[in-house]
Amino acid sequence: MPFDVLLLVLLGAALHATWNALVKSGTDKSLDAAMVALGAGAVGLFFLPFVPLPKPEAWPFILVSAVLQFAYFQLVAAAYRAGDIGLVYPLMRGVAPLIVAMTSGLVLGEHLTPTAMAGVLVISAGVLTLALESRRGGRHAILLALANGIVIATYTFVDGAGARVSGNAISYTLWMALLPPVLLFTWAIARRGTAPVWNHVRRNWARGLFGGAGSIASYGLALWAMTKAPVATVAALRETAILFALLISVFILKEKASIWRYLAGAVIAGGVLILKLA
């Protein structure tokens, strides 16, 4: 993988960890996730006049991606309610790149080199190691996390292909970010009513805007990288977000980290080095 592509994907992973930390520290996981989606949509809307329209072939991918993103956020909230984040998040993020790597040849016709496949497997192993430290969460949480891993893998394929046919990965990312918040807030208002949702937006708009900017920048960098490198290797490299989340939790949030977290961090870092050699 080219060094500049690797560095930009790592930057995107750091941004991904940052906006996830904002959601995790919030009081309402469902609405906080919707706020991040809204912030991403607002940022996308601001920059749309400065980019060309995606090619017509990309619009079906954008619509399908919006539905998958809606499912992703709903499953994230459900999984966090059912079990420990320490179990759910590593399972979701660790399973997805494995699925992508094992099926990219069939779906996209991309066949990884043995070195690249080794890097993907090492990063996924490091991510899944974090699940070993969990003390809460049962079968229901695990099933929700695994289901979301499938959703993540699916939208990775959809957006990787969509960005390639769009003619401009940044334009694709900005347009793709517009519809998910509409779906999420329509669902939230239908279930809770307008007043509670509006009150949450009013109190947390700055938080959502900041998280949304990090979210869209993170994913935009990943989609751009997927036009330069195999989708499976980029998908795996994005999961270094968990390594950045570990650093945030220890040095900024002052949380205690178990031996499993440090071991996982070392394994993930080793996987990144392997991908650099691929």
C-alpha atoms as a PDB file:
ATOM      1  CA  MET A   1       0.000   0.000   0.000  1.00  0.00           C
ATOM      2  CA  PRO A   2       1.387   3.471  -0.893  1.00  0.00           C
ATOM      3  CA  PHE A   3       2.658   5.326   2.181  1.00  0.00           C
ATOM      4  CA  ASP A   4       0.505   8.433   1.591  1.00  0.00           C
ATOM      5  CA  VAL A   5      -2.633   6.295   1.335  1.00  0.00           C
ATOM      6  CA  LEU A   6      -1.707   4.471   4.549  1.00  0.00           C
ATOM      7  CA  LEU A   7      -1.181   7.749   6.441  1.00  0.00           C
ATOM      8  CA  LEU A   8      -4.507   9.222   5.291  1.00  0.00           C
ATOM      9  CA  VAL A   9      -6.437   6.079   6.250  1.00  0.00           C
ATOM     10  CA  LEU A  10      -4.784   6.186   9.689  1.00  0.00           C
ATOM     11  CA  LEU A  11      -5.836   9.835  10.007  1.00  0.00           C
ATOM     12  CA  GLY A  12      -9.381   8.789   9.136  1.00  0.00           C
ATOM     13  CA  ALA A  13      -9.203   6.035  11.758  1.00  0.00           C
ATOM     14  CA  ALA A  14      -8.194   8.597  14.399  1.00  0.00           C
ATOM     15  CA  LEU A  15     -11.174  10.773  13.440  1.00  0.00           C
ATOM     16  CA  HIS A  16     -13.446   7.711  13.597  1.00  0.00           C
ATOM     17  CA  ALA A  17     -12.281   6.958  17.138  1.00  0.00           C
ATOM     18  CA  THR A  18     -12.883  10.579  18.136  1.00  0.00           C
ATOM     19  CA  TRP A  19     -16.510  10.746  16.991  1.00  0.00           C
ATOM     20  CA  ASN A  20     -17.235   7.341  18.504  1.00  0.00           C
ATOM     21  CA  ALA A  21     -15.884   8.606  21.823  1.00  0.00           C
ATOM     22  CA  LEU A  22     -18.389  11.481  21.602  1.00  0.00           C
ATOM     23  CA  VAL A  23     -21.277   9.061  21.057  1.00  0.00           C
ATOM     24  CA  LYS A  24     -20.139   6.747  23.843  1.00  0.00           C
ATOM     25  CA  SER A  25     -19.959   9.606  26.346  1.00  0.00           C
ATOM     26  CA  GLY A  26     -23.462  10.843  25.493  1.00  0.00           C
ATOM     27  CA  THR A  27     -26.642  10.254  27.483  1.00  0.00           C
ATOM     28  CA  ASP A  28     -28.806   8.938  24.642  1.00  0.00           C
ATOM     29  CA  LYS A  29     -26.956   6.613  22.280  1.00  0.00           C
ATOM     30  CA  SER A  30     -29.651   6.547  19.574  1.00  0.00           C
ATOM     31  CA  LEU A  31     -30.114  10.317  19.365  1.00  0.00           C
ATOM     32  CA  ASP A  32     -26.400  10.998  19.771  1.00  0.00           C
ATOM     33  CA  ALA A  33     -25.677   8.720  16.798  1.00  0.00           C
ATOM     34  CA  ALA A  34     -28.404  10.503  14.829  1.00  0.00           C
ATOM     35  CA  MET A  35     -26.835  13.834  15.782  1.00  0.00           C
ATOM     36  CA  VAL A  36     -23.484  12.721  14.369  1.00  0.00           C
ATOM     37  CA  ALA A  37     -25.247  11.701  11.146  1.00  0.00           C
ATOM     38  CA  LEU A  38     -26.978  15.104  11.086  1.00  0.00           C
ATOM     39  CA  GLY A  39     -23.667  16.894  11.602  1.00  0.00           C
ATOM     40  CA  ALA A  40     -22.117  14.894   8.755  1.00  0.00           C
ATOM     41  CA  GLY A  41     -25.049  15.798   6.520  1.00  0.00           C
ATOM     42  CA  ALA A  42     -24.724  19.499   7.409  1.00  0.00           C
ATOM     43  CA  VAL A  43     -21.009  19.478   6.589  1.00  0.00           C
ATOM     44  CA  GLY A  44     -21.727  17.659   3.342  1.00  0.00           C
ATOM     45  CA  LEU A  45     -24.394  20.178   2.376  1.00  0.00           C
ATOM     46  CA  PHE A  46     -21.977  23.061   2.942  1.00  0.00           C
ATOM     47  CA  PHE A  47     -19.323  21.618   0.611  1.00  0.00           C
ATOM     48  CA  LEU A  48     -21.623  20.301  -2.137  1.00  0.00           C
ATOM     49  CA  PRO A  49     -21.407  23.485  -4.292  1.00  0.00           C
ATOM     50  CA  PHE A  50     -17.636  23.012  -4.565  1.00  0.00           C
ATOM     51  CA  VAL A  51     -17.638  19.479  -6.011  1.00  0.00           C
ATOM     52  CA  PRO A  52     -19.050  17.998  -9.220  1.00  0.00           C
ATOM     53  CA  LEU A  53     -22.115  15.788  -9.261  1.00  0.00           C
ATOM     54  CA  PRO A  54     -21.432  12.057  -9.056  1.00  0.00           C
ATOM     55  CA  LYS A  55     -21.847  10.205 -12.324  1.00  0.00           C
ATOM     56  CA  PRO A  56     -25.336   8.738 -12.905  1.00  0.00           C
ATOM     57  CA  GLU A  57     -24.020   5.217 -12.288  1.00  0.00           C
ATOM     58  CA  ALA A  58     -23.292   6.160  -8.651  1.00  0.00           C
ATOM     59  CA  TRP A  59     -26.815   7.169  -7.562  1.00  0.00           C
ATOM     60  CA  PRO A  60     -28.133   3.623  -6.958  1.00  0.00           C
ATOM     61  CA  PHE A  61     -25.113   3.013  -4.716  1.00  0.00           C
ATOM     62  CA  ILE A  62     -25.823   6.241  -2.775  1.00  0.00           C
ATOM     63  CA  LEU A  63     -29.454   5.239  -2.147  1.00  0.00           C
ATOM     64  CA  VAL A  64     -28.591   1.703  -1.057  1.00  0.00           C
ATOM     65  CA  SER A  65     -25.820   3.051   1.175  1.00  0.00           C
ATOM     66  CA  ALA A  66     -28.276   5.401   2.935  1.00  0.00           C
ATOM     67  CA  VAL A  67     -30.519   2.475   3.884  1.00  0.00           C
ATOM     68  CA  LEU A  68     -27.534   0.462   5.110  1.00  0.00           C
ATOM     69  CA  GLN A  69     -26.243   3.411   7.159  1.00  0.00           C
ATOM     70  CA  PHE A  70     -29.675   3.715   8.781  1.00  0.00           C
ATOM     71  CA  ALA A  71     -29.548   0.017   9.702  1.00  0.00           C
ATOM     72  CA  TYR A  72     -25.996   0.440  10.988  1.00  0.00           C
ATOM     73  CA  PHE A  73     -26.873   3.233  13.419  1.00  0.00           C
ATOM     74  CA  GLN A  74     -29.967   1.390  14.652  1.00  0.00           C
ATOM     75  CA  LEU A  75     -27.968  -1.783  15.312  1.00  0.00           C
ATOM     76  CA  VAL A  76     -25.210   0.191  17.052  1.00  0.00           C
ATOM     77  CA  ALA A  77     -27.732   1.649  19.496  1.00  0.00           C
ATOM     78  CA  ALA A  78     -29.458  -1.706  20.051  1.00  0.00           C
ATOM     79  CA  ALA A  79     -26.164  -3.535  20.614  1.00  0.00           C
ATOM     80  CA  TYR A  80     -24.947  -0.905  23.096  1.00  0.00           C
ATOM     81  CA  ARG A  81     -28.195  -1.242  25.035  1.00  0.00           C
ATOM     82  CA  ALA A  82     -27.878  -5.032  25.126  1.00  0.00           C
ATOM     83  CA  GLY A  83     -24.254  -5.393  26.137  1.00  0.00           C
ATOM     84  CA  ASP A  84     -20.933  -3.932  27.141  1.00  0.00           C
ATOM     85  CA  ILE A  85     -19.337  -1.606  24.595  1.00  0.00           C
ATOM     86  CA  GLY A  86     -16.064  -3.419  25.229  1.00  0.00           C
ATOM     87  CA  LEU A  87     -17.655  -6.545  23.766  1.00  0.00           C
ATOM     88  CA  VAL A  88     -19.909  -5.053  21.087  1.00  0.00           C
ATOM     89  CA  TYR A  89     -17.601  -2.542  19.393  1.00  0.00           C
ATOM     90  CA  PRO A  90     -14.639  -4.893  18.825  1.00  0.00           C
ATOM     91  CA  LEU A  91     -16.939  -7.601  17.468  1.00  0.00           C
ATOM     92  CA  MET A  92     -18.600  -5.214  14.998  1.00  0.00           C
ATOM     93  CA  ARG A  93     -15.368  -3.671  13.812  1.00  0.00           C
ATOM     94  CA  GLY A  94     -13.336  -6.893  13.841  1.00  0.00           C
ATOM     95  CA  VAL A  95     -15.778  -9.128  11.994  1.00  0.00           C
ATOM     96  CA  ALA A  96     -16.453  -6.674   9.131  1.00  0.00           C
ATOM     97  CA  PRO A  97     -12.936  -6.587   7.596  1.00  0.00           C
ATOM     98  CA  LEU A  98     -12.742 -10.365   7.828  1.00  0.00           C
ATOM     99  CA  ILE A  99     -15.957 -10.674   5.824  1.00  0.00           C
ATOM    100  CA  VAL A 100     -14.701  -8.127   3.290  1.00  0.00           C
ATOM    101  CA  ALA A 101     -11.338  -9.849   2.922  1.00  0.00           C
ATOM    102  CA  MET A 102     -12.849 -13.303   2.493  1.00  0.00           C
ATOM    103  CA  THR A 103     -15.442 -12.214  -0.076  1.00  0.00           C
ATOM    104  CA  SER A 104     -13.772  -9.353  -1.987  1.00  0.00           C
ATOM    105  CA  GLY A 105     -12.586 -11.719  -4.684  1.00  0.00           C
ATOM    106  CA  LEU A 106     -16.143 -12.875  -5.339  1.00  0.00           C
ATOM    107  CA  VAL A 107     -17.821  -9.460  -4.995  1.00  0.00           C
ATOM    108  CA  LEU A 108     -15.253  -7.079  -6.527  1.00  0.00           C
ATOM    109  CA  GLY A 109     -12.840  -9.418  -8.256  1.00  0.00           C
ATOM    110  CA  GLU A 110     -10.032  -8.215  -5.966  1.00  0.00           C
ATOM    111  CA  HIS A 111      -7.609 -10.874  -4.785  1.00  0.00           C
ATOM    112  CA  LEU A 112      -5.260  -9.919  -1.966  1.00  0.00           C
ATOM    113  CA  THR A 113      -1.617 -10.898  -1.918  1.00  0.00           C
ATOM    114  CA  PRO A 114      -0.622 -13.336   0.852  1.00  0.00           C
ATOM    115  CA  THR A 115       1.104 -10.488   2.717  1.00  0.00           C
ATOM    116  CA  ALA A 116      -1.967  -8.239   2.514  1.00  0.00           C
ATOM    117  CA  MET A 117      -4.224 -11.085   3.667  1.00  0.00           C
ATOM    118  CA  ALA A 118      -1.888 -11.698   6.601  1.00  0.00           C
ATOM    119  CA  GLY A 119      -2.101  -8.017   7.557  1.00  0.00           C
ATOM    120  CA  VAL A 120      -5.908  -8.088   7.410  1.00  0.00           C
ATOM    121  CA  LEU A 121      -6.049 -11.210   9.583  1.00  0.00           C
ATOM    122  CA  VAL A 122      -3.602  -9.791  12.144  1.00  0.00           C
ATOM    123  CA  ILE A 123      -5.532  -6.503  12.481  1.00  0.00           C
ATOM    124  CA  SER A 124      -8.835  -8.369  12.846  1.00  0.00           C
ATOM    125  CA  ALA A 125      -7.296 -10.661  15.464  1.00  0.00           C
ATOM    126  CA  GLY A 126      -6.111  -7.637  17.403  1.00  0.00           C
ATOM    127  CA  VAL A 127      -9.542  -6.023  17.270  1.00  0.00           C
ATOM    128  CA  LEU A 128     -11.306  -9.214  18.349  1.00  0.00           C
ATOM    129  CA  THR A 129      -8.853  -9.627  21.233  1.00  0.00           C
ATOM    130  CA  LEU A 130     -10.509  -6.628  22.880  1.00  0.00           C
ATOM    131  CA  ALA A 131     -13.730  -8.631  23.242  1.00  0.00           C
ATOM    132  CA  LEU A 132     -11.913 -10.947  25.680  1.00  0.00           C
ATOM    133  CA  GLU A 133     -11.823  -8.243  28.344  1.00  0.00           C
ATOM    134  CA  SER A 134     -15.592  -7.774  28.382  1.00  0.00           C
ATOM    135  CA  ARG A 135     -17.399  -8.719  31.574  1.00  0.00           C
ATOM    136  CA  ARG A 136     -20.958  -7.869  30.515  1.00  0.00           C
ATOM    137  CA  GLY A 137     -23.170  -8.745  27.598  1.00  0.00           C
ATOM    138  CA  GLY A 138     -24.622 -12.024  26.455  1.00  0.00           C
ATOM    139  CA  ARG A 139     -25.866 -13.896  23.452  1.00  0.00           C
ATOM    140  CA  HIS A 140     -28.279 -11.147  22.356  1.00  0.00           C
ATOM    141  CA  ALA A 141     -25.558  -8.483  22.309  1.00  0.00           C
ATOM    142  CA  ILE A 142     -23.199 -10.780  20.411  1.00  0.00           C
ATOM    143  CA  LEU A 143     -25.842 -11.534  17.764  1.00  0.00           C
ATOM    144  CA  LEU A 144     -26.570  -7.822  17.301  1.00  0.00           C
ATOM    145  CA  ALA A 145     -22.854  -7.061  16.969  1.00  0.00           C
ATOM    146  CA  LEU A 146     -22.337  -9.844  14.430  1.00  0.00           C
ATOM    147  CA  ALA A 147     -25.378  -8.663  12.456  1.00  0.00           C
ATOM    148  CA  ASN A 148     -23.925  -5.164  12.346  1.00  0.00           C
ATOM    149  CA  GLY A 149     -20.585  -6.562  11.226  1.00  0.00           C
ATOM    150  CA  ILE A 150     -22.416  -7.947   8.185  1.00  0.00           C
ATOM    151  CA  VAL A 151     -24.048  -4.548   7.587  1.00  0.00           C
ATOM    152  CA  ILE A 152     -20.660  -2.791   7.840  1.00  0.00           C
ATOM    153  CA  ALA A 153     -19.110  -5.228   5.376  1.00  0.00           C
ATOM    154  CA  THR A 154     -22.041  -4.743   2.995  1.00  0.00           C
ATOM    155  CA  TYR A 155     -21.910  -0.948   2.949  1.00  0.00           C
ATOM    156  CA  THR A 156     -18.125  -1.134   2.613  1.00  0.00           C
ATOM    157  CA  PHE A 157     -18.588  -3.024  -0.653  1.00  0.00           C
ATOM    158  CA  VAL A 158     -21.417  -0.733  -1.800  1.00  0.00           C
ATOM    159  CA  ASP A 159     -19.517   2.481  -1.072  1.00  0.00           C
ATOM    160  CA  GLY A 160     -16.195   1.167  -2.347  1.00  0.00           C
ATOM    161  CA  ALA A 161     -17.799   0.341  -5.694  1.00  0.00           C
ATOM    162  CA  GLY A 162     -19.913   3.511  -5.682  1.00  0.00           C
ATOM    163  CA  ALA A 163     -16.937   5.783  -5.050  1.00  0.00           C
ATOM    164  CA  ARG A 164     -15.079   4.201  -7.958  1.00  0.00           C
ATOM    165  CA  VAL A 165     -17.879   4.688 -10.488  1.00  0.00           C
ATOM    166  CA  SER A 166     -18.815   8.166  -9.204  1.00  0.00           C
ATOM    167  CA  GLY A 167     -15.791   9.844 -10.760  1.00  0.00           C
ATOM    168  CA  ASN A 168     -15.100  11.746  -7.516  1.00  0.00           C
ATOM    169  CA  ALA A 169     -14.873  10.023  -4.124  1.00  0.00           C
ATOM    170  CA  ILE A 170     -15.351  13.280  -2.191  1.00  0.00           C
ATOM    171  CA  SER A 171     -18.533  14.126  -4.092  1.00  0.00           C
ATOM    172  CA  TYR A 172     -19.851  10.613  -3.490  1.00  0.00           C
ATOM    173  CA  THR A 173     -19.150  10.908   0.252  1.00  0.00           C
ATOM    174  CA  LEU A 174     -20.906  14.274   0.573  1.00  0.00           C
ATOM    175  CA  TRP A 175     -24.042  13.140  -1.264  1.00  0.00           C
ATOM    176  CA  MET A 176     -24.077   9.819   0.583  1.00  0.00           C
ATOM    177  CA  ALA A 177     -24.159  11.693   3.926  1.00  0.00           C
ATOM    178  CA  LEU A 178     -27.408  13.589   3.200  1.00  0.00           C
ATOM    179  CA  LEU A 179     -30.079  10.884   3.414  1.00  0.00           C
ATOM    180  CA  PRO A 180     -29.147   8.867   6.581  1.00  0.00           C
ATOM    181  CA  PRO A 181     -29.969  11.716   9.043  1.00  0.00           C
ATOM    182  CA  VAL A 182     -33.358  12.193   7.332  1.00  0.00           C
ATOM    183  CA  LEU A 183     -34.153   8.514   7.865  1.00  0.00           C
ATOM    184  CA  LEU A 184     -32.801   8.478  11.427  1.00  0.00           C
ATOM    185  CA  PHE A 185     -34.690  11.569  12.604  1.00  0.00           C
ATOM    186  CA  THR A 186     -37.901  10.534  10.852  1.00  0.00           C
ATOM    187  CA  TRP A 187     -37.695   7.260  12.766  1.00  0.00           C
ATOM    188  CA  ALA A 188     -36.851   9.013  16.062  1.00  0.00           C
ATOM    189  CA  ILE A 189     -39.716  11.510  15.767  1.00  0.00           C
ATOM    190  CA  ALA A 190     -42.179   8.747  14.854  1.00  0.00           C
ATOM    191  CA  ARG A 191     -41.191   6.806  17.990  1.00  0.00           C
ATOM    192  CA  ARG A 192     -40.615   9.615  20.514  1.00  0.00           C
ATOM    193  CA  GLY A 193     -42.387  12.696  19.244  1.00  0.00           C
ATOM    194  CA  THR A 194     -41.057  16.009  18.009  1.00  0.00           C
ATOM    195  CA  ALA A 195     -40.474  17.799  21.330  1.00  0.00           C
ATOM    196  CA  PRO A 196     -37.991  15.317  22.948  1.00  0.00           C
ATOM    197  CA  VAL A 197     -36.004  15.015  19.730  1.00  0.00           C
ATOM    198  CA  TRP A 198     -35.888  18.783  19.208  1.00  0.00           C
ATOM    199  CA  ASN A 199     -34.763  19.350  22.804  1.00  0.00           C
ATOM    200  CA  HIS A 200     -31.883  16.929  22.314  1.00  0.00           C
ATOM    201  CA  VAL A 201     -30.859  18.622  19.059  1.00  0.00           C
ATOM    202  CA  ARG A 202     -31.003  22.056  20.678  1.00  0.00           C
ATOM    203  CA  ARG A 203     -28.786  20.986  23.585  1.00  0.00           C
ATOM    204  CA  ASN A 204     -26.279  18.953  21.569  1.00  0.00           C
ATOM    205  CA  TRP A 205     -26.044  20.622  18.150  1.00  0.00           C
ATOM    206  CA  ALA A 206     -22.382  21.658  18.579  1.00  0.00           C
ATOM    207  CA  ARG A 207     -21.435  18.160  19.706  1.00  0.00           C
ATOM    208  CA  GLY A 208     -23.234  16.663  16.715  1.00  0.00           C
ATOM    209  CA  LEU A 209     -21.620  19.096  14.269  1.00  0.00           C
ATOM    210  CA  PHE A 210     -18.130  18.345  15.572  1.00  0.00           C
ATOM    211  CA  GLY A 211     -18.717  14.587  15.583  1.00  0.00           C
ATOM    212  CA  GLY A 212     -20.327  14.737  12.150  1.00  0.00           C
ATOM    213  CA  ALA A 213     -17.360  16.601  10.683  1.00  0.00           C
ATOM    214  CA  GLY A 214     -15.045  13.913  12.020  1.00  0.00           C
ATOM    215  CA  SER A 215     -17.340  11.181  10.742  1.00  0.00           C
ATOM    216  CA  ILE A 216     -17.628  12.440   7.170  1.00  0.00           C
ATOM    217  CA  ALA A 217     -13.921  13.276   6.967  1.00  0.00           C
ATOM    218  CA  SER A 218     -13.010   9.826   8.260  1.00  0.00           C
ATOM    219  CA  TYR A 219     -15.238   8.002   5.807  1.00  0.00           C
ATOM    220  CA  GLY A 220     -14.327  10.282   2.927  1.00  0.00           C
ATOM    221  CA  LEU A 221     -10.653   9.475   3.413  1.00  0.00           C
ATOM    222  CA  ALA A 222     -11.463   5.750   3.471  1.00  0.00           C
ATOM    223  CA  LEU A 223     -13.531   5.923   0.277  1.00  0.00           C
ATOM    224  CA  TRP A 224     -10.801   7.901  -1.476  1.00  0.00           C
ATOM    225  CA  ALA A 225      -8.280   5.262  -0.380  1.00  0.00           C
ATOM    226  CA  MET A 226     -10.545   2.537  -1.800  1.00  0.00           C
ATOM    227  CA  THR A 227     -10.070   4.104  -5.229  1.00  0.00           C
ATOM    228  CA  LYS A 228      -6.290   3.733  -4.794  1.00  0.00           C
ATOM    229  CA  ALA A 229      -5.939   0.397  -2.973  1.00  0.00           C
ATOM    230  CA  PRO A 230      -7.906  -2.853  -2.496  1.00  0.00           C
ATOM    231  CA  VAL A 231     -11.129  -2.382  -0.515  1.00  0.00           C
ATOM    232  CA  ALA A 232     -10.284  -5.201   1.902  1.00  0.00           C
ATOM    233  CA  THR A 233      -6.941  -3.710   2.971  1.00  0.00           C
ATOM    234  CA  VAL A 234      -8.464  -0.254   3.489  1.00  0.00           C
ATOM    235  CA  ALA A 235     -11.365  -1.767   5.475  1.00  0.00           C
ATOM    236  CA  ALA A 236      -8.923  -3.562   7.752  1.00  0.00           C
ATOM    237  CA  LEU A 237      -6.691  -0.520   8.175  1.00  0.00           C
ATOM    238  CA  ARG A 238      -9.721   1.567   9.229  1.00  0.00           C
ATOM    239  CA  GLU A 239     -10.101  -0.700  12.258  1.00  0.00           C
ATOM    240  CA  THR A 240      -6.966   0.837  13.739  1.00  0.00           C
ATOM    241  CA  ALA A 241      -9.580   3.289  15.031  1.00  0.00           C
ATOM    242  CA  ILE A 242      -9.776   0.970  18.027  1.00  0.00           C
ATOM    243  CA  LEU A 243      -6.058   1.539  18.659  1.00  0.00           C
ATOM    244  CA  PHE A 244      -6.664   5.295  18.662  1.00  0.00           C
ATOM    245  CA  ALA A 245      -9.678   4.764  20.931  1.00  0.00           C
ATOM    246  CA  LEU A 246      -7.373   2.962  23.368  1.00  0.00           C
ATOM    247  CA  LEU A 247      -4.977   5.918  23.366  1.00  0.00           C
ATOM    248  CA  ILE A 248      -7.864   8.359  23.927  1.00  0.00           C
ATOM    249  CA  SER A 249      -9.256   6.299  26.801  1.00  0.00           C
ATOM    250  CA  VAL A 250      -5.890   6.027  28.576  1.00  0.00           C
ATOM    251  CA  PHE A 251      -4.312   9.453  28.010  1.00  0.00           C
ATOM    252  CA  ILE A 252      -7.356  11.744  27.696  1.00  0.00           C
ATOM    253  CA  LEU A 253     -10.204  10.046  29.566  1.00  0.00           C
ATOM    254  CA  LYS A 254      -7.767   8.600  32.149  1.00  0.00           C
ATOM    255  CA  GLU A 255      -9.404   5.181  32.052  1.00  0.00           C
ATOM    256  CA  LYS A 256      -7.597   2.072  33.257  1.00  0.00           C
ATOM    257  CA  ALA A 257      -6.718  -0.379  30.493  1.00  0.00           C
ATOM    258  CA  SER A 258      -6.439  -4.123  30.995  1.00  0.00           C
ATOM    259  CA  ILE A 259      -3.625  -6.259  29.653  1.00  0.00           C
ATOM    260  CA  TRP A 260      -5.969  -7.339  26.826  1.00  0.00           C
ATOM    261  CA  ARG A 261      -6.162  -3.755  25.537  1.00  0.00           C
ATOM    262  CA  TYR A 262      -2.406  -3.357  25.415  1.00  0.00           C
ATOM    263  CA  LEU A 263      -1.996  -6.762  23.786  1.00  0.00           C
ATOM    264  CA  ALA A 264      -4.653  -5.893  21.194  1.00  0.00           C
ATOM    265  CA  GLY A 265      -2.954  -2.566  20.495  1.00  0.00           C
ATOM    266  CA  ALA A 266       0.361  -4.281  19.857  1.00  0.00           C
ATOM    267  CA  VAL A 267      -1.260  -6.848  17.532  1.00  0.00           C
ATOM    268  CA  ILE A 268      -3.104  -4.144  15.557  1.00  0.00           C
ATOM    269  CA  ALA A 269       0.099  -2.129  15.190  1.00  0.00           C
ATOM    270  CA  GLY A 270       1.828  -5.252  13.895  1.00  0.00           C
ATOM    271  CA  GLY A 271      -0.932  -5.714  11.326  1.00  0.00           C
ATOM    272  CA  VAL A 272      -0.453  -2.145  10.101  1.00  0.00           C
ATOM    273  CA  LEU A 273       3.247  -2.807   9.567  1.00  0.00           C
ATOM    274  CA  ILE A 274       2.431  -5.945   7.571  1.00  0.00           C
ATOM    275  CA  LEU A 275       0.005  -4.005   5.358  1.00  0.00           C
ATOM    276  CA  LYS A 276       2.713  -1.403   4.727  1.00  0.00           C
ATOM    277  CA  LEU A 277       4.874  -4.198   3.325  1.00  0.00           C
ATOM    278  CA  ALA A 278       2.069  -5.531   1.093  1.00  0.00           C
END
